[in-house]
């Protein structure tokens, strides 16, 4: 059904106020929660919805100023500045002595990166800017990922230095891409980015997988993504250098954990476990068991934990002592120990 057929006539503000006057406070609360749930995260951020709810008076006072700032960002003007910044970063001009970036400017790279992040996201309010903005934000994300493995800046961790968690940054990239890519292309793009992203010191591959799962909000999109993840798992993983095998297995395991988490979101735990077992790559089957049991414990599914432990033992896998002790504790106390 075309979207225009789903849209009713829009109310005027005066009509909305009158409707709210006739509505009970409990109904207003329920309506507000449903409207909040329906708004994509990026829309809530761009419109400062959380700030409005927490402090309506202060937010209203600053609304005009924020709106003016958002409209002052021109993505075409921002693009060459960002490209120059990325070129200097990859050339290590913010780390090593050079004649292109003055010494006094080199420590300021983190402030530039954060400003670019904010301005790119602000620029999307301009019509026709979303595609270019999403491409620029992706380039900035890739550079920070690259800096996690190669020294581009004098910083312990690039994402931490910028003050934006890698998962938050990835979610922002996904938010912009979802605005202009059709669902299938968005899923393919997201799975590749989850599989191939270099990680900072505080992020796991499963954390990136969870970001993509959270972006998929319907059973149909989750089921399609699981199917595409299985297809991508069968394709070769591009990986340069001597760490090719480690990179390959890590990328495949992110896809395995993505499928697991997607099935969990669909409340199909048996299929989640089956997907994990088929797709998780490790020469040591005991390690695969350990990871699976860790997930089941985090989900508080002790019944499934016990079942999978017993199935593994029957299959000839010898669990490590900590798992064996945890199993005995579960059998005797009816619950897993707080740690093992």
C-alpha atoms as a PDB file:
ATOM      1  CA  UNK A   1       0.000   0.000   0.000  1.00  0.00           C
ATOM      2  CA  UNK A   2       1.490   3.401  -0.908  1.00  0.00           C
ATOM      3  CA  UNK A   3       2.603   5.434   2.064  1.00  0.00           C
ATOM      4  CA  UNK A   4       0.363   8.353   1.114  1.00  0.00           C
ATOM      5  CA  UNK A   5      -2.686   6.156   1.712  1.00  0.00           C
ATOM      6  CA  UNK A   6      -1.530   5.552   5.272  1.00  0.00           C
ATOM      7  CA  UNK A   7      -1.336   9.215   6.145  1.00  0.00           C
ATOM      8  CA  UNK A   8      -4.388  10.986   7.480  1.00  0.00           C
ATOM      9  CA  UNK A   9      -4.919  14.751   7.502  1.00  0.00           C
ATOM     10  CA  UNK A  10      -2.392  16.514   9.719  1.00  0.00           C
ATOM     11  CA  UNK A  11      -3.667  18.377  12.780  1.00  0.00           C
ATOM     12  CA  UNK A  12      -2.897  21.999  13.376  1.00  0.00           C
ATOM     13  CA  UNK A  13      -1.127  22.901  16.619  1.00  0.00           C
ATOM     14  CA  UNK A  14      -4.319  24.448  17.959  1.00  0.00           C
ATOM     15  CA  UNK A  15      -6.192  21.198  17.243  1.00  0.00           C
ATOM     16  CA  UNK A  16      -3.488  19.186  18.973  1.00  0.00           C
ATOM     17  CA  UNK A  17      -3.689  21.407  22.054  1.00  0.00           C
ATOM     18  CA  UNK A  18      -7.455  20.995  22.151  1.00  0.00           C
ATOM     19  CA  UNK A  19      -7.143  17.226  21.841  1.00  0.00           C
ATOM     20  CA  UNK A  20      -4.638  17.103  24.707  1.00  0.00           C
ATOM     21  CA  UNK A  21      -6.955  19.205  26.873  1.00  0.00           C
ATOM     22  CA  UNK A  22      -9.640  16.536  26.429  1.00  0.00           C
ATOM     23  CA  UNK A  23      -7.282  13.608  27.115  1.00  0.00           C
ATOM     24  CA  UNK A  24      -6.555  12.164  30.546  1.00  0.00           C
ATOM     25  CA  UNK A  25      -3.022  12.366  31.939  1.00  0.00           C
ATOM     26  CA  UNK A  26      -2.679   8.557  31.850  1.00  0.00           C
ATOM     27  CA  UNK A  27      -3.636   8.438  28.173  1.00  0.00           C
ATOM     28  CA  UNK A  28      -1.221  11.258  27.411  1.00  0.00           C
ATOM     29  CA  UNK A  29       1.572   9.292  29.083  1.00  0.00           C
ATOM     30  CA  UNK A  30       0.779   6.232  26.996  1.00  0.00           C
ATOM     31  CA  UNK A  31       0.598   8.273  23.798  1.00  0.00           C
ATOM     32  CA  UNK A  32       3.911   9.962  24.552  1.00  0.00           C
ATOM     33  CA  UNK A  33       5.666   6.642  25.165  1.00  0.00           C
ATOM     34  CA  UNK A  34       4.348   5.225  21.878  1.00  0.00           C
ATOM     35  CA  UNK A  35       5.408   8.330  19.927  1.00  0.00           C
ATOM     36  CA  UNK A  36       8.881   8.175  21.532  1.00  0.00           C
ATOM     37  CA  UNK A  37       9.223   4.504  20.600  1.00  0.00           C
ATOM     38  CA  UNK A  38       8.233   5.220  17.008  1.00  0.00           C
ATOM     39  CA  UNK A  39      10.887   7.902  16.525  1.00  0.00           C
ATOM     40  CA  UNK A  40      14.219   6.589  15.157  1.00  0.00           C
ATOM     41  CA  UNK A  41      17.173   7.226  17.472  1.00  0.00           C
ATOM     42  CA  UNK A  42      18.800   9.650  15.010  1.00  0.00           C
ATOM     43  CA  UNK A  43      15.602  11.688  14.769  1.00  0.00           C
ATOM     44  CA  UNK A  44      15.406  11.894  18.574  1.00  0.00           C
ATOM     45  CA  UNK A  45      19.025  13.087  18.655  1.00  0.00           C
ATOM     46  CA  UNK A  46      18.652  15.630  15.840  1.00  0.00           C
ATOM     47  CA  UNK A  47      15.508  17.118  17.426  1.00  0.00           C
ATOM     48  CA  UNK A  48      16.933  16.912  20.986  1.00  0.00           C
ATOM     49  CA  UNK A  49      13.832  15.050  22.150  1.00  0.00           C
ATOM     50  CA  UNK A  50      15.498  13.704  25.321  1.00  0.00           C
ATOM     51  CA  UNK A  51      16.551  17.222  26.345  1.00  0.00           C
ATOM     52  CA  UNK A  52      13.030  18.501  25.679  1.00  0.00           C
ATOM     53  CA  UNK A  53      11.513  15.824  27.926  1.00  0.00           C
ATOM     54  CA  UNK A  54      14.016  16.391  30.724  1.00  0.00           C
ATOM     55  CA  UNK A  55      13.906  20.189  30.692  1.00  0.00           C
ATOM     56  CA  UNK A  56      11.076  21.618  28.538  1.00  0.00           C
ATOM     57  CA  UNK A  57      11.618  25.254  29.544  1.00  0.00           C
ATOM     58  CA  UNK A  58      15.360  25.350  28.875  1.00  0.00           C
ATOM     59  CA  UNK A  59      15.037  23.402  25.629  1.00  0.00           C
ATOM     60  CA  UNK A  60      12.369  25.733  24.300  1.00  0.00           C
ATOM     61  CA  UNK A  61      14.555  28.740  25.035  1.00  0.00           C
ATOM     62  CA  UNK A  62      17.436  27.274  23.035  1.00  0.00           C
ATOM     63  CA  UNK A  63      15.394  25.809  20.193  1.00  0.00           C
ATOM     64  CA  UNK A  64      15.795  28.723  17.815  1.00  0.00           C
ATOM     65  CA  UNK A  65      19.545  28.881  18.362  1.00  0.00           C
ATOM     66  CA  UNK A  66      19.919  25.110  17.787  1.00  0.00           C
ATOM     67  CA  UNK A  67      17.816  25.266  14.658  1.00  0.00           C
ATOM     68  CA  UNK A  68      19.916  28.098  13.288  1.00  0.00           C
ATOM     69  CA  UNK A  69      23.107  26.127  13.988  1.00  0.00           C
ATOM     70  CA  UNK A  70      21.738  23.041  12.235  1.00  0.00           C
ATOM     71  CA  UNK A  71      20.827  25.026   9.135  1.00  0.00           C
ATOM     72  CA  UNK A  72      24.188  26.805   9.090  1.00  0.00           C
ATOM     73  CA  UNK A  73      26.033  23.564   8.234  1.00  0.00           C
ATOM     74  CA  UNK A  74      26.458  23.063   4.497  1.00  0.00           C
ATOM     75  CA  UNK A  75      27.589  19.557   3.606  1.00  0.00           C
ATOM     76  CA  UNK A  76      29.250  20.737   0.388  1.00  0.00           C
ATOM     77  CA  UNK A  77      31.346  23.249   2.339  1.00  0.00           C
ATOM     78  CA  UNK A  78      32.180  20.637   4.968  1.00  0.00           C
ATOM     79  CA  UNK A  79      33.308  17.966   2.493  1.00  0.00           C
ATOM     80  CA  UNK A  80      36.658  19.448   1.355  1.00  0.00           C
ATOM     81  CA  UNK A  81      37.600  20.314   4.936  1.00  0.00           C
ATOM     82  CA  UNK A  82      36.904  16.754   6.071  1.00  0.00           C
ATOM     83  CA  UNK A  83      38.746  15.238   3.100  1.00  0.00           C
ATOM     84  CA  UNK A  84      41.817  17.332   3.918  1.00  0.00           C
ATOM     85  CA  UNK A  85      41.622  16.233   7.557  1.00  0.00           C
ATOM     86  CA  UNK A  86      41.394  12.564   6.555  1.00  0.00           C
ATOM     87  CA  UNK A  87      44.292  12.921   4.112  1.00  0.00           C
ATOM     88  CA  UNK A  88      46.496  14.453   6.810  1.00  0.00           C
ATOM     89  CA  UNK A  89      45.431  11.802   9.309  1.00  0.00           C
ATOM     90  CA  UNK A  90      46.297   8.875   7.047  1.00  0.00           C
ATOM     91  CA  UNK A  91      49.620  10.571   6.225  1.00  0.00           C
ATOM     92  CA  UNK A  92      50.307  10.706  10.007  1.00  0.00           C
ATOM     93  CA  UNK A  93      50.619  14.476   9.827  1.00  0.00           C
ATOM     94  CA  UNK A  94      48.914  14.743  13.234  1.00  0.00           C
ATOM     95  CA  UNK A  95      51.547  12.457  14.757  1.00  0.00           C
ATOM     96  CA  UNK A  96      54.947  12.955  13.133  1.00  0.00           C
ATOM     97  CA  UNK A  97      56.789  16.241  12.404  1.00  0.00           C
ATOM     98  CA  UNK A  98      55.790  17.663   9.022  1.00  0.00           C
ATOM     99  CA  UNK A  99      55.269  20.940   7.185  1.00  0.00           C
ATOM    100  CA  UNK A 100      51.547  20.454   6.527  1.00  0.00           C
ATOM    101  CA  UNK A 101      50.058  20.446  10.052  1.00  0.00           C
ATOM    102  CA  UNK A 102      51.709  22.871  12.528  1.00  0.00           C
ATOM    103  CA  UNK A 103      52.912  21.335  15.789  1.00  0.00           C
ATOM    104  CA  UNK A 104      50.440  23.407  17.790  1.00  0.00           C
ATOM    105  CA  UNK A 105      47.536  22.019  15.727  1.00  0.00           C
ATOM    106  CA  UNK A 106      48.405  18.319  15.968  1.00  0.00           C
ATOM    107  CA  UNK A 107      46.883  17.647  19.419  1.00  0.00           C
ATOM    108  CA  UNK A 108      43.645  19.275  18.254  1.00  0.00           C
ATOM    109  CA  UNK A 109      42.763  16.436  15.878  1.00  0.00           C
ATOM    110  CA  UNK A 110      40.297  14.957  18.379  1.00  0.00           C
ATOM    111  CA  UNK A 111      38.327  18.198  18.589  1.00  0.00           C
ATOM    112  CA  UNK A 112      38.196  18.389  14.808  1.00  0.00           C
ATOM    113  CA  UNK A 113      36.958  14.804  14.566  1.00  0.00           C
ATOM    114  CA  UNK A 114      34.222  15.408  17.121  1.00  0.00           C
ATOM    115  CA  UNK A 115      33.199  18.647  15.388  1.00  0.00           C
ATOM    116  CA  UNK A 116      32.952  16.810  12.068  1.00  0.00           C
ATOM    117  CA  UNK A 117      30.805  14.125  13.715  1.00  0.00           C
ATOM    118  CA  UNK A 118      28.396  16.729  15.080  1.00  0.00           C
ATOM    119  CA  UNK A 119      28.281  18.889  11.963  1.00  0.00           C
ATOM    120  CA  UNK A 120      27.719  15.976   9.583  1.00  0.00           C
ATOM    121  CA  UNK A 121      24.781  14.834  11.688  1.00  0.00           C
ATOM    122  CA  UNK A 122      23.471  18.417  11.851  1.00  0.00           C
ATOM    123  CA  UNK A 123      23.765  18.853   8.080  1.00  0.00           C
ATOM    124  CA  UNK A 124      21.248  16.112   7.309  1.00  0.00           C
ATOM    125  CA  UNK A 125      18.352  18.497   8.000  1.00  0.00           C
ATOM    126  CA  UNK A 126      19.109  20.121   4.638  1.00  0.00           C
ATOM    127  CA  UNK A 127      17.170  18.514   1.748  1.00  0.00           C
ATOM    128  CA  UNK A 128      19.287  16.289  -0.479  1.00  0.00           C
ATOM    129  CA  UNK A 129      22.241  16.089   1.910  1.00  0.00           C
ATOM    130  CA  UNK A 130      21.624  12.704   3.537  1.00  0.00           C
ATOM    131  CA  UNK A 131      23.542  10.517   1.065  1.00  0.00           C
ATOM    132  CA  UNK A 132      26.675  12.638   1.015  1.00  0.00           C
ATOM    133  CA  UNK A 133      26.511  13.109   4.786  1.00  0.00           C
ATOM    134  CA  UNK A 134      26.303   9.353   5.336  1.00  0.00           C
ATOM    135  CA  UNK A 135      29.308   8.789   3.063  1.00  0.00           C
ATOM    136  CA  UNK A 136      31.378  11.397   4.905  1.00  0.00           C
ATOM    137  CA  UNK A 137      30.461  10.006   8.314  1.00  0.00           C
ATOM    138  CA  UNK A 138      31.412   6.527   7.092  1.00  0.00           C
ATOM    139  CA  UNK A 139      34.819   7.822   5.954  1.00  0.00           C
ATOM    140  CA  UNK A 140      35.419   9.396   9.356  1.00  0.00           C
ATOM    141  CA  UNK A 141      34.420   6.144  11.064  1.00  0.00           C
ATOM    142  CA  UNK A 142      36.772   4.090   8.869  1.00  0.00           C
ATOM    143  CA  UNK A 143      39.667   6.407   9.645  1.00  0.00           C
ATOM    144  CA  UNK A 144      39.140   6.082  13.397  1.00  0.00           C
ATOM    145  CA  UNK A 145      38.892   2.295  13.011  1.00  0.00           C
ATOM    146  CA  UNK A 146      42.132   2.272  11.056  1.00  0.00           C
ATOM    147  CA  UNK A 147      43.751   4.321  13.828  1.00  0.00           C
ATOM    148  CA  UNK A 148      42.837   1.550  16.284  1.00  0.00           C
ATOM    149  CA  UNK A 149      45.457  -0.703  14.641  1.00  0.00           C
ATOM    150  CA  UNK A 150      47.914   1.793  13.160  1.00  0.00           C
ATOM    151  CA  UNK A 151      49.425   4.845  14.829  1.00  0.00           C
ATOM    152  CA  UNK A 152      47.917   7.974  13.298  1.00  0.00           C
ATOM    153  CA  UNK A 153      47.698  10.065  16.474  1.00  0.00           C
ATOM    154  CA  UNK A 154      49.438  10.307  19.832  1.00  0.00           C
ATOM    155  CA  UNK A 155      46.468   8.817  21.630  1.00  0.00           C
ATOM    156  CA  UNK A 156      45.822   5.622  23.580  1.00  0.00           C
ATOM    157  CA  UNK A 157      42.525   5.013  21.815  1.00  0.00           C
ATOM    158  CA  UNK A 158      41.065   7.122  18.970  1.00  0.00           C
ATOM    159  CA  UNK A 159      37.366   6.709  19.799  1.00  0.00           C
ATOM    160  CA  UNK A 160      37.967   7.369  23.488  1.00  0.00           C
ATOM    161  CA  UNK A 161      40.022  10.456  22.607  1.00  0.00           C
ATOM    162  CA  UNK A 162      37.210  11.831  20.474  1.00  0.00           C
ATOM    163  CA  UNK A 163      34.743  11.082  23.277  1.00  0.00           C
ATOM    164  CA  UNK A 164      32.402   8.900  21.211  1.00  0.00           C
ATOM    165  CA  UNK A 165      32.157   5.157  21.799  1.00  0.00           C
ATOM    166  CA  UNK A 166      32.750   3.034  18.715  1.00  0.00           C
ATOM    167  CA  UNK A 167      29.287   1.514  19.059  1.00  0.00           C
ATOM    168  CA  UNK A 168      27.706   4.970  19.232  1.00  0.00           C
ATOM    169  CA  UNK A 169      29.653   6.086  16.163  1.00  0.00           C
ATOM    170  CA  UNK A 170      28.650   2.958  14.241  1.00  0.00           C
ATOM    171  CA  UNK A 171      25.011   3.462  15.197  1.00  0.00           C
ATOM    172  CA  UNK A 172      25.183   7.013  13.835  1.00  0.00           C
ATOM    173  CA  UNK A 173      26.597   5.685  10.540  1.00  0.00           C
ATOM    174  CA  UNK A 174      23.823   3.095  10.365  1.00  0.00           C
ATOM    175  CA  UNK A 175      21.246   5.775  11.153  1.00  0.00           C
ATOM    176  CA  UNK A 176      22.239   7.871   8.141  1.00  0.00           C
ATOM    177  CA  UNK A 177      22.626   4.897   5.803  1.00  0.00           C
ATOM    178  CA  UNK A 178      19.174   3.600   6.747  1.00  0.00           C
ATOM    179  CA  UNK A 179      17.689   6.928   5.632  1.00  0.00           C
ATOM    180  CA  UNK A 180      18.566   6.402   1.959  1.00  0.00           C
ATOM    181  CA  UNK A 181      19.340   2.703   1.389  1.00  0.00           C
ATOM    182  CA  UNK A 182      16.577   0.186   0.737  1.00  0.00           C
ATOM    183  CA  UNK A 183      16.362  -2.536   3.377  1.00  0.00           C
ATOM    184  CA  UNK A 184      18.266  -5.280   1.560  1.00  0.00           C
ATOM    185  CA  UNK A 185      21.159  -2.996   0.651  1.00  0.00           C
ATOM    186  CA  UNK A 186      21.242  -1.575   4.168  1.00  0.00           C
ATOM    187  CA  UNK A 187      21.468  -5.076   5.656  1.00  0.00           C
ATOM    188  CA  UNK A 188      24.275  -6.080   3.293  1.00  0.00           C
ATOM    189  CA  UNK A 189      26.122  -2.860   4.053  1.00  0.00           C
ATOM    190  CA  UNK A 190      25.643  -3.290   7.800  1.00  0.00           C
ATOM    191  CA  UNK A 191      26.823  -6.905   7.844  1.00  0.00           C
ATOM    192  CA  UNK A 192      29.989  -6.054   5.923  1.00  0.00           C
ATOM    193  CA  UNK A 193      30.739  -3.178   8.276  1.00  0.00           C
ATOM    194  CA  UNK A 194      30.152  -5.348  11.354  1.00  0.00           C
ATOM    195  CA  UNK A 195      32.370  -8.080   9.927  1.00  0.00           C
ATOM    196  CA  UNK A 196      35.246  -5.890   8.737  1.00  0.00           C
ATOM    197  CA  UNK A 197      35.493  -3.015  11.238  1.00  0.00           C
ATOM    198  CA  UNK A 198      38.724  -2.799  13.202  1.00  0.00           C
ATOM    199  CA  UNK A 199      38.039  -2.595  16.930  1.00  0.00           C
ATOM    200  CA  UNK A 200      39.156  -0.181  19.589  1.00  0.00           C
ATOM    201  CA  UNK A 201      40.335  -1.346  23.005  1.00  0.00           C
ATOM    202  CA  UNK A 202      36.907  -1.303  24.631  1.00  0.00           C
ATOM    203  CA  UNK A 203      34.746  -2.878  21.930  1.00  0.00           C
ATOM    204  CA  UNK A 204      34.018  -6.488  21.010  1.00  0.00           C
ATOM    205  CA  UNK A 205      32.867  -7.713  17.626  1.00  0.00           C
ATOM    206  CA  UNK A 206      29.619  -8.826  19.267  1.00  0.00           C
ATOM    207  CA  UNK A 207      29.057  -5.227  20.409  1.00  0.00           C
ATOM    208  CA  UNK A 208      29.006  -4.136  16.761  1.00  0.00           C
ATOM    209  CA  UNK A 209      26.685  -7.029  15.891  1.00  0.00           C
ATOM    210  CA  UNK A 210      24.295  -5.874  18.622  1.00  0.00           C
ATOM    211  CA  UNK A 211      24.219  -2.357  17.162  1.00  0.00           C
ATOM    212  CA  UNK A 212      22.988  -3.723  13.840  1.00  0.00           C
ATOM    213  CA  UNK A 213      20.453  -6.035  15.522  1.00  0.00           C
ATOM    214  CA  UNK A 214      19.062  -3.045  17.420  1.00  0.00           C
ATOM    215  CA  UNK A 215      18.634  -1.169  14.127  1.00  0.00           C
ATOM    216  CA  UNK A 216      16.423  -3.923  12.691  1.00  0.00           C
ATOM    217  CA  UNK A 217      13.001  -3.455  14.255  1.00  0.00           C
ATOM    218  CA  UNK A 218      10.714  -5.901  12.455  1.00  0.00           C
ATOM    219  CA  UNK A 219      10.672  -9.729  12.307  1.00  0.00           C
ATOM    220  CA  UNK A 220      10.897  -9.526   8.506  1.00  0.00           C
ATOM    221  CA  UNK A 221      14.064  -7.407   8.576  1.00  0.00           C
ATOM    222  CA  UNK A 222      15.668  -9.657  11.188  1.00  0.00           C
ATOM    223  CA  UNK A 223      14.874 -12.820   9.238  1.00  0.00           C
ATOM    224  CA  UNK A 224      16.260 -11.286   6.042  1.00  0.00           C
ATOM    225  CA  UNK A 225      19.409 -10.214   7.879  1.00  0.00           C
ATOM    226  CA  UNK A 226      19.924 -13.715   9.301  1.00  0.00           C
ATOM    227  CA  UNK A 227      19.654 -15.157   5.795  1.00  0.00           C
ATOM    228  CA  UNK A 228      22.137 -12.600   4.413  1.00  0.00           C
ATOM    229  CA  UNK A 229      24.525 -13.222   7.328  1.00  0.00           C
ATOM    230  CA  UNK A 230      24.578 -16.945   6.517  1.00  0.00           C
ATOM    231  CA  UNK A 231      25.260 -16.160   2.850  1.00  0.00           C
ATOM    232  CA  UNK A 232      28.054 -13.718   3.711  1.00  0.00           C
ATOM    233  CA  UNK A 233      29.559 -16.278   6.092  1.00  0.00           C
ATOM    234  CA  UNK A 234      30.150 -18.605   3.127  1.00  0.00           C
ATOM    235  CA  UNK A 235      32.069 -15.963   1.148  1.00  0.00           C
ATOM    236  CA  UNK A 236      35.844 -15.405   1.475  1.00  0.00           C
ATOM    237  CA  UNK A 237      36.871 -12.714   3.948  1.00  0.00           C
ATOM    238  CA  UNK A 238      39.387 -10.204   2.542  1.00  0.00           C
ATOM    239  CA  UNK A 239      42.272  -9.850   4.979  1.00  0.00           C
ATOM    240  CA  UNK A 240      45.727  -8.422   4.264  1.00  0.00           C
ATOM    241  CA  UNK A 241      48.995  -9.433   5.902  1.00  0.00           C
ATOM    242  CA  UNK A 242      50.124 -12.283   8.133  1.00  0.00           C
ATOM    243  CA  UNK A 243      47.079 -12.001  10.411  1.00  0.00           C
ATOM    244  CA  UNK A 244      44.783 -13.168   7.594  1.00  0.00           C
ATOM    245  CA  UNK A 245      43.494 -16.287   9.370  1.00  0.00           C
ATOM    246  CA  UNK A 246      42.821 -14.504  12.668  1.00  0.00           C
ATOM    247  CA  UNK A 247      41.047 -11.682  10.841  1.00  0.00           C
ATOM    248  CA  UNK A 248      38.997 -14.194   8.822  1.00  0.00           C
ATOM    249  CA  UNK A 249      37.838 -16.192  11.830  1.00  0.00           C
ATOM    250  CA  UNK A 250      37.078 -13.046  13.843  1.00  0.00           C
ATOM    251  CA  UNK A 251      34.910 -11.672  11.051  1.00  0.00           C
ATOM    252  CA  UNK A 252      33.059 -14.959  10.641  1.00  0.00           C
ATOM    253  CA  UNK A 253      32.453 -15.171  14.375  1.00  0.00           C
ATOM    254  CA  UNK A 254      30.917 -11.698  14.385  1.00  0.00           C
ATOM    255  CA  UNK A 255      28.435 -12.947  11.792  1.00  0.00           C
ATOM    256  CA  UNK A 256      27.770 -16.014  13.935  1.00  0.00           C
ATOM    257  CA  UNK A 257      27.064 -13.841  16.961  1.00  0.00           C
ATOM    258  CA  UNK A 258      24.941 -11.494  14.847  1.00  0.00           C
ATOM    259  CA  UNK A 259      22.720 -14.401  13.792  1.00  0.00           C
ATOM    260  CA  UNK A 260      22.541 -15.615  17.373  1.00  0.00           C
ATOM    261  CA  UNK A 261      21.501 -12.184  18.665  1.00  0.00           C
ATOM    262  CA  UNK A 262      18.989 -11.692  15.854  1.00  0.00           C
ATOM    263  CA  UNK A 263      17.283 -14.993  16.659  1.00  0.00           C
ATOM    264  CA  UNK A 264      17.309 -14.058  20.358  1.00  0.00           C
ATOM    265  CA  UNK A 265      15.510 -10.825  19.485  1.00  0.00           C
ATOM    266  CA  UNK A 266      12.948 -13.007  17.697  1.00  0.00           C
ATOM    267  CA  UNK A 267      12.709 -15.077  20.913  1.00  0.00           C
ATOM    268  CA  UNK A 268      13.762 -18.235  19.046  1.00  0.00           C
ATOM    269  CA  UNK A 269      16.534 -19.515  21.310  1.00  0.00           C
ATOM    270  CA  UNK A 270      16.847 -22.943  19.728  1.00  0.00           C
ATOM    271  CA  UNK A 271      17.478 -21.437  16.295  1.00  0.00           C
ATOM    272  CA  UNK A 272      19.896 -18.947  17.884  1.00  0.00           C
ATOM    273  CA  UNK A 273      21.914 -21.809  19.363  1.00  0.00           C
ATOM    274  CA  UNK A 274      21.829 -23.800  16.112  1.00  0.00           C
ATOM    275  CA  UNK A 275      22.991 -20.779  14.090  1.00  0.00           C
ATOM    276  CA  UNK A 276      25.846 -20.184  16.516  1.00  0.00           C
ATOM    277  CA  UNK A 277      26.991 -23.804  16.427  1.00  0.00           C
ATOM    278  CA  UNK A 278      26.990 -23.950  12.646  1.00  0.00           C
ATOM    279  CA  UNK A 279      28.751 -20.645  12.039  1.00  0.00           C
ATOM    280  CA  UNK A 280      31.093 -20.012  14.982  1.00  0.00           C
ATOM    281  CA  UNK A 281      34.649 -20.801  13.885  1.00  0.00           C
ATOM    282  CA  UNK A 282      37.241 -22.214  16.279  1.00  0.00           C
ATOM    283  CA  UNK A 283      39.486 -25.249  15.941  1.00  0.00           C
ATOM    284  CA  UNK A 284      38.911 -25.973  19.620  1.00  0.00           C
ATOM    285  CA  UNK A 285      35.272 -26.985  20.087  1.00  0.00           C
ATOM    286  CA  UNK A 286      35.586 -26.375  23.836  1.00  0.00           C
ATOM    287  CA  UNK A 287      36.201 -22.688  23.186  1.00  0.00           C
ATOM    288  CA  UNK A 288      33.066 -22.512  21.041  1.00  0.00           C
ATOM    289  CA  UNK A 289      31.159 -24.159  23.884  1.00  0.00           C
ATOM    290  CA  UNK A 290      32.578 -21.657  26.386  1.00  0.00           C
ATOM    291  CA  UNK A 291      31.457 -18.704  24.243  1.00  0.00           C
ATOM    292  CA  UNK A 292      27.981 -20.157  23.724  1.00  0.00           C
ATOM    293  CA  UNK A 293      27.520 -20.818  27.441  1.00  0.00           C
ATOM    294  CA  UNK A 294      28.694 -17.282  28.186  1.00  0.00           C
ATOM    295  CA  UNK A 295      25.905 -15.952  25.962  1.00  0.00           C
ATOM    296  CA  UNK A 296      23.275 -18.203  27.526  1.00  0.00           C
ATOM    297  CA  UNK A 297      24.354 -17.133  30.986  1.00  0.00           C
ATOM    298  CA  UNK A 298      24.111 -13.455  30.038  1.00  0.00           C
ATOM    299  CA  UNK A 299      20.562 -14.129  28.832  1.00  0.00           C
ATOM    300  CA  UNK A 300      19.762 -15.840  32.157  1.00  0.00           C
ATOM    301  CA  UNK A 301      18.767 -19.038  30.363  1.00  0.00           C
ATOM    302  CA  UNK A 302      20.198 -21.529  32.837  1.00  0.00           C
ATOM    303  CA  UNK A 303      17.964 -24.277  31.452  1.00  0.00           C
ATOM    304  CA  UNK A 304      19.564 -23.916  28.036  1.00  0.00           C
ATOM    305  CA  UNK A 305      23.010 -23.565  29.633  1.00  0.00           C
ATOM    306  CA  UNK A 306      22.580 -26.937  31.331  1.00  0.00           C
ATOM    307  CA  UNK A 307      21.178 -28.565  28.198  1.00  0.00           C
ATOM    308  CA  UNK A 308      24.040 -27.394  25.975  1.00  0.00           C
ATOM    309  CA  UNK A 309      26.654 -28.339  28.553  1.00  0.00           C
ATOM    310  CA  UNK A 310      25.286 -31.875  28.811  1.00  0.00           C
ATOM    311  CA  UNK A 311      24.998 -32.222  25.027  1.00  0.00           C
ATOM    312  CA  UNK A 312      28.635 -31.133  24.631  1.00  0.00           C
ATOM    313  CA  UNK A 313      29.841 -33.681  27.184  1.00  0.00           C
ATOM    314  CA  UNK A 314      27.843 -36.407  25.440  1.00  0.00           C
ATOM    315  CA  UNK A 315      29.499 -35.382  22.163  1.00  0.00           C
ATOM    316  CA  UNK A 316      32.937 -35.958  23.691  1.00  0.00           C
ATOM    317  CA  UNK A 317      33.884 -32.357  24.481  1.00  0.00           C
ATOM    318  CA  UNK A 318      35.804 -31.948  27.749  1.00  0.00           C
ATOM    319  CA  UNK A 319      34.798 -28.609  29.332  1.00  0.00           C
ATOM    320  CA  UNK A 320      37.363 -26.616  31.296  1.00  0.00           C
ATOM    321  CA  UNK A 321      37.330 -26.938  35.069  1.00  0.00           C
ATOM    322  CA  UNK A 322      35.509 -23.648  35.616  1.00  0.00           C
ATOM    323  CA  UNK A 323      32.596 -24.833  33.467  1.00  0.00           C
ATOM    324  CA  UNK A 324      32.515 -28.222  35.185  1.00  0.00           C
ATOM    325  CA  UNK A 325      32.418 -26.541  38.581  1.00  0.00           C
ATOM    326  CA  UNK A 326      29.666 -24.205  37.405  1.00  0.00           C
ATOM    327  CA  UNK A 327      27.661 -27.186  36.148  1.00  0.00           C
ATOM    328  CA  UNK A 328      27.946 -28.969  39.499  1.00  0.00           C
ATOM    329  CA  UNK A 329      26.894 -25.769  41.283  1.00  0.00           C
ATOM    330  CA  UNK A 330      23.872 -25.474  38.992  1.00  0.00           C
ATOM    331  CA  UNK A 331      22.844 -29.071  39.635  1.00  0.00           C
ATOM    332  CA  UNK A 332      23.196 -28.774  43.402  1.00  0.00           C
ATOM    333  CA  UNK A 333      21.998 -25.192  43.999  1.00  0.00           C
ATOM    334  CA  UNK A 334      19.606 -24.743  41.104  1.00  0.00           C
ATOM    335  CA  UNK A 335      21.475 -21.725  39.780  1.00  0.00           C
ATOM    336  CA  UNK A 336      24.797 -20.812  38.241  1.00  0.00           C
ATOM    337  CA  UNK A 337      27.473 -19.274  40.478  1.00  0.00           C
ATOM    338  CA  UNK A 338      27.862 -15.493  40.301  1.00  0.00           C
ATOM    339  CA  UNK A 339      31.176 -15.996  38.506  1.00  0.00           C
ATOM    340  CA  UNK A 340      33.167 -18.876  37.127  1.00  0.00           C
END
